[in-house]
Amino acid sequence: MMPFLEITENPASGTLTLNVRVQPRASKDEIAGSLGGALKIRLCAPAVENRANESLVAFLSDLLKTPKSAVRIQSGEHGRNKRVEIRGVTRQQILDLLREEA
């Protein structure tokens, strides 16, 4: 279970935003817990030519069973700390999935 995960809901737009800490060049794509209110995700893709960002979007969309177009990196495209906006899912859906993954 995630000890603390900062998730911001925007009911007007039907989106929520979460902080993500990405570790590129990992041995496999996986959720690695939380770190300072951010969801820590390990990705196989390197942080070169936007590959880690594309991998992050694909990983989250697959995990949440939502289209890739519903997942958008709001900020942090050039760093490990990112804010990700997800459309069409609820806070509870994310928390339930994270409990299953943990």
N, C-alpha and C. Protein backbone atom coordinates (compact mmCIF):
# COMPACT_ATOMS: atom_id res chain seq x y z
N MET A 1 0.83 -1.18 0.00
CA MET A 1 0.00 0.00 0.00
C MET A 1 0.88 1.25 0.00
N MET A 2 0.48 2.26 -0.75
CA MET A 2 1.23 3.50 -0.84
C MET A 2 1.02 4.30 0.45
N PRO A 3 2.10 4.66 1.17
CA PRO A 3 1.94 5.40 2.40
C PRO A 3 1.29 6.77 2.18
N PHE A 4 1.75 7.53 1.21
CA PHE A 4 1.17 8.83 0.93
C PHE A 4 1.39 9.12 -0.54
N LEU A 5 0.32 9.47 -1.23
CA LEU A 5 0.40 9.78 -2.65
C LEU A 5 -0.44 11.01 -2.91
N GLU A 6 0.18 12.04 -3.42
CA GLU A 6 -0.51 13.29 -3.68
C GLU A 6 -1.26 13.20 -5.01
N ILE A 7 -2.59 13.21 -4.95
CA ILE A 7 -3.44 13.17 -6.14
C ILE A 7 -4.38 14.37 -6.08
N THR A 8 -4.37 15.17 -7.14
CA THR A 8 -5.23 16.35 -7.21
C THR A 8 -6.33 16.09 -8.22
N GLU A 9 -7.58 16.22 -7.78
CA GLU A 9 -8.72 16.00 -8.67
C GLU A 9 -9.25 17.33 -9.19
N ASN A 10 -9.66 17.34 -10.47
CA ASN A 10 -10.30 18.50 -11.06
C ASN A 10 -11.63 18.02 -11.66
N PRO A 11 -12.71 18.03 -10.88
CA PRO A 11 -14.00 17.52 -11.35
C PRO A 11 -14.54 18.26 -12.58
N ALA A 12 -14.22 19.54 -12.71
CA ALA A 12 -14.73 20.31 -13.84
C ALA A 12 -14.23 19.77 -15.17
N SER A 13 -12.96 19.34 -15.21
CA SER A 13 -12.40 18.82 -16.45
C SER A 13 -12.38 17.29 -16.49
N GLY A 14 -12.75 16.64 -15.39
CA GLY A 14 -12.75 15.18 -15.34
C GLY A 14 -11.35 14.59 -15.34
N THR A 15 -10.39 15.35 -14.80
CA THR A 15 -9.01 14.87 -14.76
C THR A 15 -8.51 14.82 -13.33
N LEU A 16 -7.42 14.10 -13.16
CA LEU A 16 -6.69 14.15 -11.91
C LEU A 16 -5.22 14.23 -12.24
N THR A 17 -4.47 14.77 -11.31
CA THR A 17 -3.04 14.98 -11.52
C THR A 17 -2.28 14.31 -10.39
N LEU A 18 -1.20 13.61 -10.75
CA LEU A 18 -0.37 13.02 -9.73
C LEU A 18 1.09 13.28 -10.03
N ASN A 19 1.88 13.31 -8.97
CA ASN A 19 3.32 13.48 -9.11
C ASN A 19 3.94 12.11 -9.31
N VAL A 20 4.90 12.06 -10.23
CA VAL A 20 5.56 10.80 -10.55
C VAL A 20 7.07 11.03 -10.52
N ARG A 21 7.79 10.09 -9.95
CA ARG A 21 9.25 10.08 -9.97
C ARG A 21 9.66 8.90 -10.84
N VAL A 22 10.35 9.18 -11.95
CA VAL A 22 10.70 8.15 -12.92
C VAL A 22 12.16 7.74 -12.77
N GLN A 23 12.39 6.43 -12.83
CA GLN A 23 13.74 5.89 -12.85
C GLN A 23 13.92 5.18 -14.20
N PRO A 24 14.59 5.83 -15.16
CA PRO A 24 14.79 5.20 -16.47
C PRO A 24 15.86 4.11 -16.41
N ARG A 25 15.94 3.33 -17.47
CA ARG A 25 16.92 2.25 -17.63
C ARG A 25 16.85 1.21 -16.51
N ALA A 26 15.65 0.90 -16.06
CA ALA A 26 15.47 -0.13 -15.03
C ALA A 26 15.40 -1.50 -15.72
N SER A 27 15.44 -2.55 -14.95
CA SER A 27 15.39 -3.90 -15.53
C SER A 27 14.00 -4.26 -16.04
N LYS A 28 12.95 -3.62 -15.47
CA LYS A 28 11.59 -3.85 -15.97
C LYS A 28 10.71 -2.66 -15.62
N ASP A 29 9.60 -2.53 -16.34
CA ASP A 29 8.62 -1.48 -16.06
C ASP A 29 7.79 -1.91 -14.85
N GLU A 30 7.80 -1.07 -13.81
CA GLU A 30 7.05 -1.42 -12.60
C GLU A 30 6.86 -0.22 -11.70
N ILE A 31 5.86 -0.33 -10.83
CA ILE A 31 5.66 0.65 -9.77
C ILE A 31 6.58 0.25 -8.62
N ALA A 32 7.32 1.23 -8.11
CA ALA A 32 8.31 0.94 -7.08
C ALA A 32 7.98 1.61 -5.75
N GLY A 33 6.71 1.95 -5.54
CA GLY A 33 6.30 2.57 -4.28
C GLY A 33 6.07 4.05 -4.43
N SER A 34 6.28 4.77 -3.34
CA SER A 34 6.11 6.22 -3.39
C SER A 34 7.31 6.87 -2.74
N LEU A 35 7.53 8.12 -3.12
CA LEU A 35 8.67 8.86 -2.61
C LEU A 35 8.27 10.32 -2.49
N GLY A 36 8.13 10.81 -1.28
CA GLY A 36 7.79 12.21 -1.06
C GLY A 36 6.49 12.65 -1.71
N GLY A 37 5.47 11.82 -1.66
CA GLY A 37 4.17 12.16 -2.24
C GLY A 37 4.06 11.84 -3.71
N ALA A 38 5.14 11.35 -4.31
CA ALA A 38 5.13 11.01 -5.74
C ALA A 38 5.11 9.49 -5.91
N LEU A 39 4.47 9.06 -6.97
CA LEU A 39 4.47 7.65 -7.34
C LEU A 39 5.80 7.35 -8.01
N LYS A 40 6.56 6.39 -7.51
CA LYS A 40 7.85 6.05 -8.10
C LYS A 40 7.64 4.93 -9.11
N ILE A 41 8.07 5.18 -10.35
CA ILE A 41 7.90 4.21 -11.43
C ILE A 41 9.25 3.93 -12.08
N ARG A 42 9.59 2.67 -12.20
CA ARG A 42 10.81 2.25 -12.91
C ARG A 42 10.43 1.89 -14.34
N LEU A 43 11.23 2.37 -15.29
CA LEU A 43 10.97 2.11 -16.70
C LEU A 43 12.23 1.58 -17.37
N CYS A 44 12.06 0.64 -18.29
CA CYS A 44 13.19 0.10 -19.04
C CYS A 44 13.78 1.13 -20.00
N ALA A 45 12.94 1.97 -20.54
CA ALA A 45 13.36 2.93 -21.56
C ALA A 45 14.38 3.92 -21.02
N PRO A 46 15.35 4.30 -21.87
CA PRO A 46 16.31 5.32 -21.45
C PRO A 46 15.70 6.72 -21.54
N ALA A 47 16.29 7.65 -20.83
CA ALA A 47 15.81 9.04 -20.86
C ALA A 47 16.46 9.77 -22.03
N VAL A 48 16.31 9.22 -23.22
CA VAL A 48 16.90 9.78 -24.44
C VAL A 48 15.81 9.89 -25.50
N GLU A 49 15.80 11.01 -26.22
CA GLU A 49 14.86 11.21 -27.33
C GLU A 49 13.41 10.94 -26.93
N ASN A 50 13.05 11.35 -25.72
CA ASN A 50 11.66 11.26 -25.25
C ASN A 50 11.16 9.83 -25.02
N ARG A 51 12.05 8.85 -25.07
CA ARG A 51 11.61 7.45 -24.94
C ARG A 51 11.05 7.14 -23.55
N ALA A 52 11.66 7.67 -22.51
CA ALA A 52 11.15 7.40 -21.15
C ALA A 52 9.77 8.03 -20.96
N ASN A 53 9.55 9.22 -21.51
CA ASN A 53 8.23 9.86 -21.41
C ASN A 53 7.17 9.05 -22.15
N GLU A 54 7.50 8.59 -23.35
CA GLU A 54 6.56 7.77 -24.12
C GLU A 54 6.27 6.47 -23.39
N SER A 55 7.30 5.89 -22.80
CA SER A 55 7.12 4.65 -22.04
C SER A 55 6.25 4.87 -20.81
N LEU A 56 6.43 6.01 -20.15
CA LEU A 56 5.62 6.34 -18.97
C LEU A 56 4.14 6.46 -19.35
N VAL A 57 3.85 7.16 -20.43
CA VAL A 57 2.47 7.32 -20.88
C VAL A 57 1.87 5.96 -21.22
N ALA A 58 2.62 5.13 -21.94
CA ALA A 58 2.13 3.80 -22.31
C ALA A 58 1.92 2.93 -21.07
N PHE A 59 2.85 2.98 -20.12
CA PHE A 59 2.74 2.18 -18.90
C PHE A 59 1.50 2.56 -18.10
N LEU A 60 1.31 3.86 -17.88
CA LEU A 60 0.15 4.31 -17.10
C LEU A 60 -1.16 4.03 -17.82
N SER A 61 -1.20 4.23 -19.13
CA SER A 61 -2.45 3.97 -19.86
C SER A 61 -2.79 2.48 -19.83
N ASP A 62 -1.78 1.64 -19.93
CA ASP A 62 -2.02 0.20 -19.86
C ASP A 62 -2.47 -0.21 -18.45
N LEU A 63 -1.81 0.32 -17.45
CA LEU A 63 -2.14 0.01 -16.06
C LEU A 63 -3.56 0.44 -15.71
N LEU A 64 -3.96 1.62 -16.18
CA LEU A 64 -5.27 2.18 -15.85
C LEU A 64 -6.35 1.82 -16.87
N LYS A 65 -5.94 1.08 -17.91
CA LYS A 65 -6.88 0.65 -18.96
C LYS A 65 -7.61 1.86 -19.56
N THR A 66 -6.83 2.84 -19.94
CA THR A 66 -7.34 4.06 -20.54
C THR A 66 -6.50 4.36 -21.79
N PRO A 67 -7.03 5.07 -22.76
CA PRO A 67 -6.24 5.37 -23.96
C PRO A 67 -5.02 6.23 -23.64
N LYS A 68 -3.98 6.09 -24.45
CA LYS A 68 -2.78 6.91 -24.26
C LYS A 68 -3.10 8.39 -24.34
N SER A 69 -4.09 8.74 -25.14
CA SER A 69 -4.46 10.15 -25.28
C SER A 69 -5.05 10.73 -24.00
N ALA A 70 -5.42 9.88 -23.05
CA ALA A 70 -5.98 10.35 -21.77
C ALA A 70 -4.90 10.61 -20.73
N VAL A 71 -3.65 10.28 -21.06
CA VAL A 71 -2.53 10.48 -20.14
C VAL A 71 -1.59 11.52 -20.75
N ARG A 72 -1.31 12.57 -19.97
CA ARG A 72 -0.49 13.66 -20.49
C ARG A 72 0.50 14.11 -19.43
N ILE A 73 1.75 14.28 -19.83
CA ILE A 73 2.75 14.82 -18.92
C ILE A 73 2.56 16.33 -18.90
N GLN A 74 2.16 16.83 -17.75
CA GLN A 74 1.85 18.26 -17.59
C GLN A 74 3.12 19.08 -17.42
N SER A 75 4.05 18.56 -16.64
CA SER A 75 5.33 19.25 -16.45
C SER A 75 6.40 18.22 -16.09
N GLY A 76 7.65 18.61 -16.29
CA GLY A 76 8.77 17.73 -15.95
C GLY A 76 9.21 16.84 -17.09
N GLU A 77 8.95 17.23 -18.33
CA GLU A 77 9.31 16.37 -19.46
C GLU A 77 10.81 16.11 -19.56
N HIS A 78 11.63 17.01 -19.01
CA HIS A 78 13.08 16.85 -19.13
C HIS A 78 13.74 16.46 -17.81
N GLY A 79 12.96 15.99 -16.86
CA GLY A 79 13.52 15.59 -15.58
C GLY A 79 12.87 14.31 -15.08
N ARG A 80 13.31 13.85 -13.93
CA ARG A 80 12.74 12.63 -13.35
C ARG A 80 11.44 12.88 -12.62
N ASN A 81 11.27 14.09 -12.09
CA ASN A 81 10.04 14.44 -11.38
C ASN A 81 9.05 15.04 -12.35
N LYS A 82 7.87 14.44 -12.45
CA LYS A 82 6.87 14.84 -13.43
C LYS A 82 5.51 15.00 -12.76
N ARG A 83 4.68 15.83 -13.37
CA ARG A 83 3.26 15.92 -13.00
C ARG A 83 2.51 15.35 -14.19
N VAL A 84 1.70 14.34 -13.92
CA VAL A 84 0.97 13.64 -14.97
C VAL A 84 -0.52 13.86 -14.78
N GLU A 85 -1.18 14.26 -15.85
CA GLU A 85 -2.63 14.47 -15.84
C GLU A 85 -3.30 13.28 -16.53
N ILE A 86 -4.31 12.73 -15.88
CA ILE A 86 -5.01 11.56 -16.42
C ILE A 86 -6.50 11.89 -16.48
N ARG A 87 -7.10 11.65 -17.62
CA ARG A 87 -8.51 11.95 -17.84
C ARG A 87 -9.33 10.66 -17.80
N GLY A 88 -10.49 10.75 -17.15
CA GLY A 88 -11.44 9.64 -17.19
C GLY A 88 -11.26 8.57 -16.14
N VAL A 89 -10.43 8.81 -15.14
CA VAL A 89 -10.31 7.85 -14.03
C VAL A 89 -10.51 8.60 -12.72
N THR A 90 -10.91 7.85 -11.71
CA THR A 90 -11.13 8.46 -10.40
C THR A 90 -9.95 8.19 -9.48
N ARG A 91 -9.89 8.97 -8.43
CA ARG A 91 -8.86 8.79 -7.41
C ARG A 91 -8.92 7.37 -6.84
N GLN A 92 -10.13 6.88 -6.58
CA GLN A 92 -10.28 5.55 -6.01
C GLN A 92 -9.80 4.46 -6.97
N GLN A 93 -10.04 4.63 -8.27
CA GLN A 93 -9.55 3.65 -9.25
C GLN A 93 -8.03 3.57 -9.20
N ILE A 94 -7.39 4.71 -9.12
CA ILE A 94 -5.92 4.72 -9.06
C ILE A 94 -5.43 4.06 -7.78
N LEU A 95 -6.02 4.41 -6.66
CA LEU A 95 -5.59 3.82 -5.39
C LEU A 95 -5.81 2.31 -5.36
N ASP A 96 -6.94 1.85 -5.90
CA ASP A 96 -7.21 0.41 -5.96
C ASP A 96 -6.17 -0.31 -6.81
N LEU A 97 -5.85 0.25 -7.97
CA LEU A 97 -4.86 -0.38 -8.85
C LEU A 97 -3.48 -0.40 -8.21
N LEU A 98 -3.13 0.66 -7.52
CA LEU A 98 -1.82 0.72 -6.88
C LEU A 98 -1.72 -0.29 -5.75
N ARG A 99 -2.80 -0.52 -5.05
CA ARG A 99 -2.80 -1.55 -3.99
C ARG A 99 -2.57 -2.93 -4.60
N GLU A 100 -3.20 -3.17 -5.76
CA GLU A 100 -3.02 -4.46 -6.44
C GLU A 100 -1.58 -4.64 -6.90
N GLU A 101 -0.95 -3.56 -7.39
CA GLU A 101 0.41 -3.62 -7.90
C GLU A 101 1.45 -3.76 -6.79
N ALA A 102 1.12 -3.24 -5.61
CA ALA A 102 2.10 -3.23 -4.50
C ALA A 102 2.35 -4.61 -3.95
